[in-house]
Amino acid sequence: INMVSIVLSVIIAVGLFIVLPTVIGKGVATDRTFTVALREGALKLSIFVGYLLLMSQMKDIKRVFQYHGAEHKSIFAYEQGLELNVENVKKMGRLHPRCGTNFMFVVIAISIAIFSFVGIRNVWLRSLVKIAVFPLMAGISYEIIRFAGKHQNRFTRAMVWPGLMMQKITTKEPDDSQIEVAIASLKAVLEDEGIIKREFATTAEVVDPETLI
């Protein structure tokens, strides 16, 4: 069942974000490649934002978006060197420049730039090329997000601004319990990385594993 769900999810994603924009956006033969790429990018962005808006209306997804906001707040507090507690984390903003939402927007922007130079008009061949070069676009987008996170200036702020606006959909203000979960999760990661000392012993450290069998 899990494998079927994964396959269906991939098919739907490819259909929605690759094939559909290619079919609708191909225009006429006299259109310039940049015009076609820009039209496809606008369609992808519209579908993506529409999908997020629809998802955000679901009660369970709203709660997920609250946890997403709590994650960002806790990371902001850590990056500013504050003690990780509810009071400090609650004061932080929920829109983070290195969020995956920003990443998706940059991928769309990069796809417009790359396919402005690709003159293939056949829908299926163009779709296959998009799938083939997606790892390249993802890699470039990742490096751009990293660069923007390390260099704060007008140019990088302009690059991440659209993604930050989209985060107003994908993140919501969390409650205290959700912030506590985010703090615990962040501390667990930092402990595993050896950045901070473990606050509590694990079960394996205090109990003989053989007694659990």
C-alpha atoms as a PDB file:
ATOM      1  CA  ILE A   1       0.000   0.000   0.000  1.00  0.00           C
ATOM      2  CA  ASN A   2       2.831   2.396   0.859  1.00  0.00           C
ATOM      3  CA  MET A   3       4.571   1.745  -2.464  1.00  0.00           C
ATOM      4  CA  VAL A   4       1.296   2.290  -4.343  1.00  0.00           C
ATOM      5  CA  SER A   5       0.806   5.591  -2.493  1.00  0.00           C
ATOM      6  CA  ILE A   6       4.337   6.703  -3.370  1.00  0.00           C
ATOM      7  CA  VAL A   7       3.898   5.831  -7.059  1.00  0.00           C
ATOM      8  CA  LEU A   8       0.530   7.608  -7.225  1.00  0.00           C
ATOM      9  CA  SER A   9       1.991  10.664  -5.487  1.00  0.00           C
ATOM     10  CA  VAL A  10       4.860  10.847  -7.990  1.00  0.00           C
ATOM     11  CA  ILE A  11       2.472  10.456 -10.943  1.00  0.00           C
ATOM     12  CA  ILE A  12       0.170  13.195  -9.620  1.00  0.00           C
ATOM     13  CA  ALA A  13       3.117  15.522  -8.916  1.00  0.00           C
ATOM     14  CA  VAL A  14       4.591  14.998 -12.391  1.00  0.00           C
ATOM     15  CA  GLY A  15       1.170  15.470 -13.968  1.00  0.00           C
ATOM     16  CA  LEU A  16       0.350  18.646 -12.033  1.00  0.00           C
ATOM     17  CA  PHE A  17       3.698  20.410 -12.002  1.00  0.00           C
ATOM     18  CA  ILE A  18       5.370  19.206 -15.208  1.00  0.00           C
ATOM     19  CA  VAL A  19       2.965  17.821 -17.822  1.00  0.00           C
ATOM     20  CA  LEU A  20      -0.039  20.115 -17.210  1.00  0.00           C
ATOM     21  CA  PRO A  21       1.942  23.408 -17.343  1.00  0.00           C
ATOM     22  CA  THR A  22       3.734  22.116 -20.449  1.00  0.00           C
ATOM     23  CA  VAL A  23       0.446  21.280 -22.202  1.00  0.00           C
ATOM     24  CA  ILE A  24      -1.267  24.560 -21.304  1.00  0.00           C
ATOM     25  CA  GLY A  25       1.812  26.741 -21.648  1.00  0.00           C
ATOM     26  CA  LYS A  26       3.135  25.585 -25.015  1.00  0.00           C
ATOM     27  CA  GLY A  27       1.234  28.347 -26.857  1.00  0.00           C
ATOM     28  CA  VAL A  28       1.723  28.651 -30.600  1.00  0.00           C
ATOM     29  CA  ALA A  29       4.722  27.828 -32.766  1.00  0.00           C
ATOM     30  CA  THR A  30       5.631  31.508 -33.196  1.00  0.00           C
ATOM     31  CA  ASP A  31       5.980  32.137 -29.437  1.00  0.00           C
ATOM     32  CA  ARG A  32       9.512  32.775 -28.220  1.00  0.00           C
ATOM     33  CA  THR A  33      11.089  30.166 -25.961  1.00  0.00           C
ATOM     34  CA  PHE A  34      11.282  32.710 -23.123  1.00  0.00           C
ATOM     35  CA  THR A  35       7.554  33.440 -23.443  1.00  0.00           C
ATOM     36  CA  VAL A  36       6.750  29.736 -23.266  1.00  0.00           C
ATOM     37  CA  ALA A  37       9.050  29.213 -20.262  1.00  0.00           C
ATOM     38  CA  LEU A  38       7.576  32.237 -18.468  1.00  0.00           C
ATOM     39  CA  ARG A  39       4.028  31.025 -19.121  1.00  0.00           C
ATOM     40  CA  GLU A  40       4.886  27.549 -17.829  1.00  0.00           C
ATOM     41  CA  GLY A  41       6.521  29.029 -14.727  1.00  0.00           C
ATOM     42  CA  ALA A  42       3.481  31.192 -13.994  1.00  0.00           C
ATOM     43  CA  LEU A  43       1.228  28.139 -14.342  1.00  0.00           C
ATOM     44  CA  LYS A  44       3.442  26.068 -12.017  1.00  0.00           C
ATOM     45  CA  LEU A  45       3.434  28.835  -9.431  1.00  0.00           C
ATOM     46  CA  SER A  46      -0.348  29.253  -9.689  1.00  0.00           C
ATOM     47  CA  ILE A  47      -0.914  25.513  -9.265  1.00  0.00           C
ATOM     48  CA  PHE A  48       1.517  25.358  -6.336  1.00  0.00           C
ATOM     49  CA  VAL A  49      -0.017  28.333  -4.489  1.00  0.00           C
ATOM     50  CA  GLY A  50      -3.543  27.081  -5.198  1.00  0.00           C
ATOM     51  CA  TYR A  51      -2.616  23.655  -3.859  1.00  0.00           C
ATOM     52  CA  LEU A  52      -1.175  25.176  -0.675  1.00  0.00           C
ATOM     53  CA  LEU A  53      -4.245  27.368  -0.160  1.00  0.00           C
ATOM     54  CA  LEU A  54      -6.570  24.382  -0.515  1.00  0.00           C
ATOM     55  CA  MET A  55      -4.448  22.260   1.817  1.00  0.00           C
ATOM     56  CA  SER A  56      -4.316  25.034   4.407  1.00  0.00           C
ATOM     57  CA  GLN A  57      -8.098  24.823   4.820  1.00  0.00           C
ATOM     58  CA  MET A  58      -7.839  21.294   6.234  1.00  0.00           C
ATOM     59  CA  LYS A  59      -7.808  21.165  10.037  1.00  0.00           C
ATOM     60  CA  ASP A  60      -4.998  18.601  10.271  1.00  0.00           C
ATOM     61  CA  ILE A  61      -2.847  20.474   7.751  1.00  0.00           C
ATOM     62  CA  LYS A  62      -3.340  23.728   9.662  1.00  0.00           C
ATOM     63  CA  ARG A  63      -1.879  21.965  12.676  1.00  0.00           C
ATOM     64  CA  VAL A  64       1.064  20.755  10.587  1.00  0.00           C
ATOM     65  CA  PHE A  65       1.635  24.346   9.449  1.00  0.00           C
ATOM     66  CA  GLN A  66       1.639  25.428  13.116  1.00  0.00           C
ATOM     67  CA  TYR A  67       4.397  22.898  13.826  1.00  0.00           C
ATOM     68  CA  HIS A  68       6.201  24.263  10.767  1.00  0.00           C
ATOM     69  CA  GLY A  69       6.026  27.742  12.295  1.00  0.00           C
ATOM     70  CA  ALA A  70       7.282  26.392  15.628  1.00  0.00           C
ATOM     71  CA  GLU A  71      10.235  24.772  13.842  1.00  0.00           C
ATOM     72  CA  HIS A  72      11.227  28.070  12.232  1.00  0.00           C
ATOM     73  CA  LYS A  73      10.883  29.997  15.479  1.00  0.00           C
ATOM     74  CA  SER A  74      13.061  27.537  17.395  1.00  0.00           C
ATOM     75  CA  ILE A  75      15.741  27.627  14.684  1.00  0.00           C
ATOM     76  CA  PHE A  76      15.726  31.428  14.728  1.00  0.00           C
ATOM     77  CA  ALA A  77      16.187  31.401  18.520  1.00  0.00           C
ATOM     78  CA  TYR A  78      19.088  28.937  18.239  1.00  0.00           C
ATOM     79  CA  GLU A  79      20.763  30.941  15.458  1.00  0.00           C
ATOM     80  CA  GLN A  80      20.553  34.086  17.594  1.00  0.00           C
ATOM     81  CA  GLY A  81      22.220  32.307  20.502  1.00  0.00           C
ATOM     82  CA  LEU A  82      19.180  32.441  22.778  1.00  0.00           C
ATOM     83  CA  GLU A  83      18.316  29.817  25.353  1.00  0.00           C
ATOM     84  CA  LEU A  84      15.859  27.364  23.840  1.00  0.00           C
ATOM     85  CA  ASN A  85      12.745  27.873  25.930  1.00  0.00           C
ATOM     86  CA  VAL A  86       9.132  28.690  25.095  1.00  0.00           C
ATOM     87  CA  GLU A  87       9.399  32.334  26.115  1.00  0.00           C
ATOM     88  CA  ASN A  88      12.381  33.052  23.841  1.00  0.00           C
ATOM     89  CA  VAL A  89      11.155  30.981  20.909  1.00  0.00           C
ATOM     90  CA  LYS A  90       7.687  32.539  20.966  1.00  0.00           C
ATOM     91  CA  LYS A  91       9.214  35.984  20.272  1.00  0.00           C
ATOM     92  CA  MET A  92      10.862  34.829  17.027  1.00  0.00           C
ATOM     93  CA  GLY A  93       9.449  35.240  13.524  1.00  0.00           C
ATOM     94  CA  ARG A  94       8.011  32.250  11.681  1.00  0.00           C
ATOM     95  CA  LEU A  95       9.245  33.136   8.159  1.00  0.00           C
ATOM     96  CA  HIS A  96      12.706  31.654   7.553  1.00  0.00           C
ATOM     97  CA  PRO A  97      14.866  32.353   4.461  1.00  0.00           C
ATOM     98  CA  ARG A  98      16.142  28.759   4.205  1.00  0.00           C
ATOM     99  CA  CYS A  99      12.726  27.102   4.253  1.00  0.00           C
ATOM    100  CA  GLY A 100      11.716  24.450   1.728  1.00  0.00           C
ATOM    101  CA  THR A 101       8.908  26.750   0.576  1.00  0.00           C
ATOM    102  CA  ASN A 102      11.553  29.229  -0.600  1.00  0.00           C
ATOM    103  CA  PHE A 103      13.344  26.328  -2.261  1.00  0.00           C
ATOM    104  CA  MET A 104      10.254  25.441  -4.323  1.00  0.00           C
ATOM    105  CA  PHE A 105       9.872  29.022  -5.537  1.00  0.00           C
ATOM    106  CA  VAL A 106      13.551  29.199  -6.535  1.00  0.00           C
ATOM    107  CA  VAL A 107      13.209  25.885  -8.429  1.00  0.00           C
ATOM    108  CA  ILE A 108      10.357  27.396 -10.453  1.00  0.00           C
ATOM    109  CA  ALA A 109      12.418  30.540 -11.150  1.00  0.00           C
ATOM    110  CA  ILE A 110      15.429  28.454 -12.223  1.00  0.00           C
ATOM    111  CA  SER A 111      13.235  26.340 -14.519  1.00  0.00           C
ATOM    112  CA  ILE A 112      12.084  29.525 -16.275  1.00  0.00           C
ATOM    113  CA  ALA A 113      15.705  30.608 -16.753  1.00  0.00           C
ATOM    114  CA  ILE A 114      16.892  27.224 -18.059  1.00  0.00           C
ATOM    115  CA  PHE A 115      13.955  26.521 -20.374  1.00  0.00           C
ATOM    116  CA  SER A 116      14.176  29.984 -21.893  1.00  0.00           C
ATOM    117  CA  PHE A 117      16.984  28.396 -23.930  1.00  0.00           C
ATOM    118  CA  VAL A 118      15.244  25.090 -24.695  1.00  0.00           C
ATOM    119  CA  GLY A 119      13.310  25.225 -27.954  1.00  0.00           C
ATOM    120  CA  ILE A 120      11.670  21.797 -27.702  1.00  0.00           C
ATOM    121  CA  ARG A 121       7.896  22.180 -28.200  1.00  0.00           C
ATOM    122  CA  ASN A 122       6.766  18.539 -28.192  1.00  0.00           C
ATOM    123  CA  VAL A 123       4.858  18.190 -24.906  1.00  0.00           C
ATOM    124  CA  TRP A 124       6.085  14.710 -23.956  1.00  0.00           C
ATOM    125  CA  LEU A 125       9.702  15.265 -24.984  1.00  0.00           C
ATOM    126  CA  ARG A 126       9.775  18.626 -23.186  1.00  0.00           C
ATOM    127  CA  SER A 127       8.281  16.985 -20.076  1.00  0.00           C
ATOM    128  CA  LEU A 128      10.939  14.249 -20.144  1.00  0.00           C
ATOM    129  CA  VAL A 129      13.695  16.851 -20.449  1.00  0.00           C
ATOM    130  CA  LYS A 130      12.243  18.691 -17.438  1.00  0.00           C
ATOM    131  CA  ILE A 131      12.315  15.499 -15.380  1.00  0.00           C
ATOM    132  CA  ALA A 132      15.885  14.772 -16.505  1.00  0.00           C
ATOM    133  CA  VAL A 133      17.237  18.211 -15.561  1.00  0.00           C
ATOM    134  CA  PHE A 134      15.272  18.500 -12.304  1.00  0.00           C
ATOM    135  CA  PRO A 135      18.251  17.309 -10.169  1.00  0.00           C
ATOM    136  CA  LEU A 136      20.362  20.071 -11.745  1.00  0.00           C
ATOM    137  CA  MET A 137      17.691  22.702 -11.037  1.00  0.00           C
ATOM    138  CA  ALA A 138      17.301  21.417  -7.472  1.00  0.00           C
ATOM    139  CA  GLY A 139      21.067  21.597  -6.900  1.00  0.00           C
ATOM    140  CA  ILE A 140      21.312  25.160  -8.211  1.00  0.00           C
ATOM    141  CA  SER A 141      18.293  26.197  -6.130  1.00  0.00           C
ATOM    142  CA  TYR A 142      19.781  24.660  -2.990  1.00  0.00           C
ATOM    143  CA  GLU A 143      23.019  26.591  -3.439  1.00  0.00           C
ATOM    144  CA  ILE A 144      21.092  29.824  -4.003  1.00  0.00           C
ATOM    145  CA  ILE A 145      19.123  29.292  -0.776  1.00  0.00           C
ATOM    146  CA  ARG A 146      22.367  28.579   1.117  1.00  0.00           C
ATOM    147  CA  PHE A 147      23.996  31.681  -0.340  1.00  0.00           C
ATOM    148  CA  ALA A 148      20.993  33.838   0.577  1.00  0.00           C
ATOM    149  CA  GLY A 149      21.097  32.480   4.121  1.00  0.00           C
ATOM    150  CA  LYS A 150      24.766  33.421   4.574  1.00  0.00           C
ATOM    151  CA  HIS A 151      24.728  36.814   2.840  1.00  0.00           C
ATOM    152  CA  GLN A 152      22.156  39.359   3.948  1.00  0.00           C
ATOM    153  CA  ASN A 153      21.844  42.205   1.451  1.00  0.00           C
ATOM    154  CA  ARG A 154      19.227  43.778  -0.815  1.00  0.00           C
ATOM    155  CA  PHE A 155      19.841  41.292  -3.604  1.00  0.00           C
ATOM    156  CA  THR A 156      19.471  38.175  -1.450  1.00  0.00           C
ATOM    157  CA  ARG A 157      16.480  39.638   0.393  1.00  0.00           C
ATOM    158  CA  ALA A 158      14.806  40.250  -2.969  1.00  0.00           C
ATOM    159  CA  MET A 159      15.546  36.644  -3.992  1.00  0.00           C
ATOM    160  CA  VAL A 160      13.906  35.110  -0.930  1.00  0.00           C
ATOM    161  CA  TRP A 161      11.041  37.610  -0.544  1.00  0.00           C
ATOM    162  CA  PRO A 162       8.524  35.701  -2.733  1.00  0.00           C
ATOM    163  CA  GLY A 163       9.237  32.501  -0.804  1.00  0.00           C
ATOM    164  CA  LEU A 164       8.811  34.315   2.507  1.00  0.00           C
ATOM    165  CA  MET A 165       5.400  35.540   1.347  1.00  0.00           C
ATOM    166  CA  MET A 166       4.442  31.961   0.470  1.00  0.00           C
ATOM    167  CA  GLN A 167       5.446  30.925   3.988  1.00  0.00           C
ATOM    168  CA  LYS A 168       2.525  32.993   5.243  1.00  0.00           C
ATOM    169  CA  ILE A 169       0.484  30.077   3.905  1.00  0.00           C
ATOM    170  CA  THR A 170       2.741  27.185   4.937  1.00  0.00           C
ATOM    171  CA  THR A 171       3.463  28.392   8.481  1.00  0.00           C
ATOM    172  CA  LYS A 172       1.043  29.419  11.228  1.00  0.00           C
ATOM    173  CA  GLU A 173       1.541  30.766  14.738  1.00  0.00           C
ATOM    174  CA  PRO A 174       2.074  27.770  17.070  1.00  0.00           C
ATOM    175  CA  ASP A 175       0.816  27.254  20.601  1.00  0.00           C
ATOM    176  CA  ASP A 176       3.132  26.621  23.557  1.00  0.00           C
ATOM    177  CA  SER A 177       2.866  22.830  23.331  1.00  0.00           C
ATOM    178  CA  GLN A 178       3.900  22.883  19.670  1.00  0.00           C
ATOM    179  CA  ILE A 179       6.836  25.135  20.502  1.00  0.00           C
ATOM    180  CA  GLU A 180       7.918  22.663  23.182  1.00  0.00           C
ATOM    181  CA  VAL A 181       7.860  19.856  20.604  1.00  0.00           C
ATOM    182  CA  ALA A 182       9.921  21.958  18.179  1.00  0.00           C
ATOM    183  CA  ILE A 183      12.479  22.757  20.886  1.00  0.00           C
ATOM    184  CA  ALA A 184      12.773  19.094  21.875  1.00  0.00           C
ATOM    185  CA  SER A 185      13.207  18.075  18.234  1.00  0.00           C
ATOM    186  CA  LEU A 186      15.878  20.702  17.607  1.00  0.00           C
ATOM    187  CA  LYS A 187      17.762  19.724  20.757  1.00  0.00           C
ATOM    188  CA  ALA A 188      17.671  16.063  19.703  1.00  0.00           C
ATOM    189  CA  VAL A 189      19.256  16.960  16.361  1.00  0.00           C
ATOM    190  CA  LEU A 190      21.892  19.138  18.024  1.00  0.00           C
ATOM    191  CA  GLU A 191      22.695  16.316  20.457  1.00  0.00           C
ATOM    192  CA  ASP A 192      23.072  13.792  17.637  1.00  0.00           C
ATOM    193  CA  GLU A 193      25.410  16.199  15.847  1.00  0.00           C
ATOM    194  CA  GLY A 194      27.451  16.599  19.036  1.00  0.00           C
ATOM    195  CA  ILE A 195      26.806  20.348  19.110  1.00  0.00           C
ATOM    196  CA  ILE A 196      25.230  20.257  22.567  1.00  0.00           C
ATOM    197  CA  LYS A 197      25.458  17.710  25.363  1.00  0.00           C
ATOM    198  CA  ARG A 198      22.661  15.221  25.824  1.00  0.00           C
ATOM    199  CA  GLU A 199      20.347  16.385  28.606  1.00  0.00           C
ATOM    200  CA  PHE A 200      18.889  12.969  29.366  1.00  0.00           C
ATOM    201  CA  ALA A 201      20.243   9.450  29.036  1.00  0.00           C
ATOM    202  CA  THR A 202      18.676   7.166  26.455  1.00  0.00           C
ATOM    203  CA  THR A 203      16.964   3.923  27.429  1.00  0.00           C
ATOM    204  CA  ALA A 204      19.900   1.952  26.033  1.00  0.00           C
ATOM    205  CA  GLU A 205      22.278   3.851  28.306  1.00  0.00           C
ATOM    206  CA  VAL A 206      20.414   3.080  31.542  1.00  0.00           C
ATOM    207  CA  VAL A 207      18.868  -0.313  30.777  1.00  0.00           C
ATOM    208  CA  ASP A 208      20.624  -3.489  29.687  1.00  0.00           C
ATOM    209  CA  PRO A 209      19.220  -4.150  26.169  1.00  0.00           C
ATOM    210  CA  GLU A 210      19.092  -7.890  26.937  1.00  0.00           C
ATOM    211  CA  THR A 211      16.538  -7.253  29.686  1.00  0.00           C
ATOM    212  CA  LEU A 212      14.206  -5.705  27.114  1.00  0.00           C
ATOM    213  CA  ILE A 213      14.076  -8.884  25.016  1.00  0.00           C
END
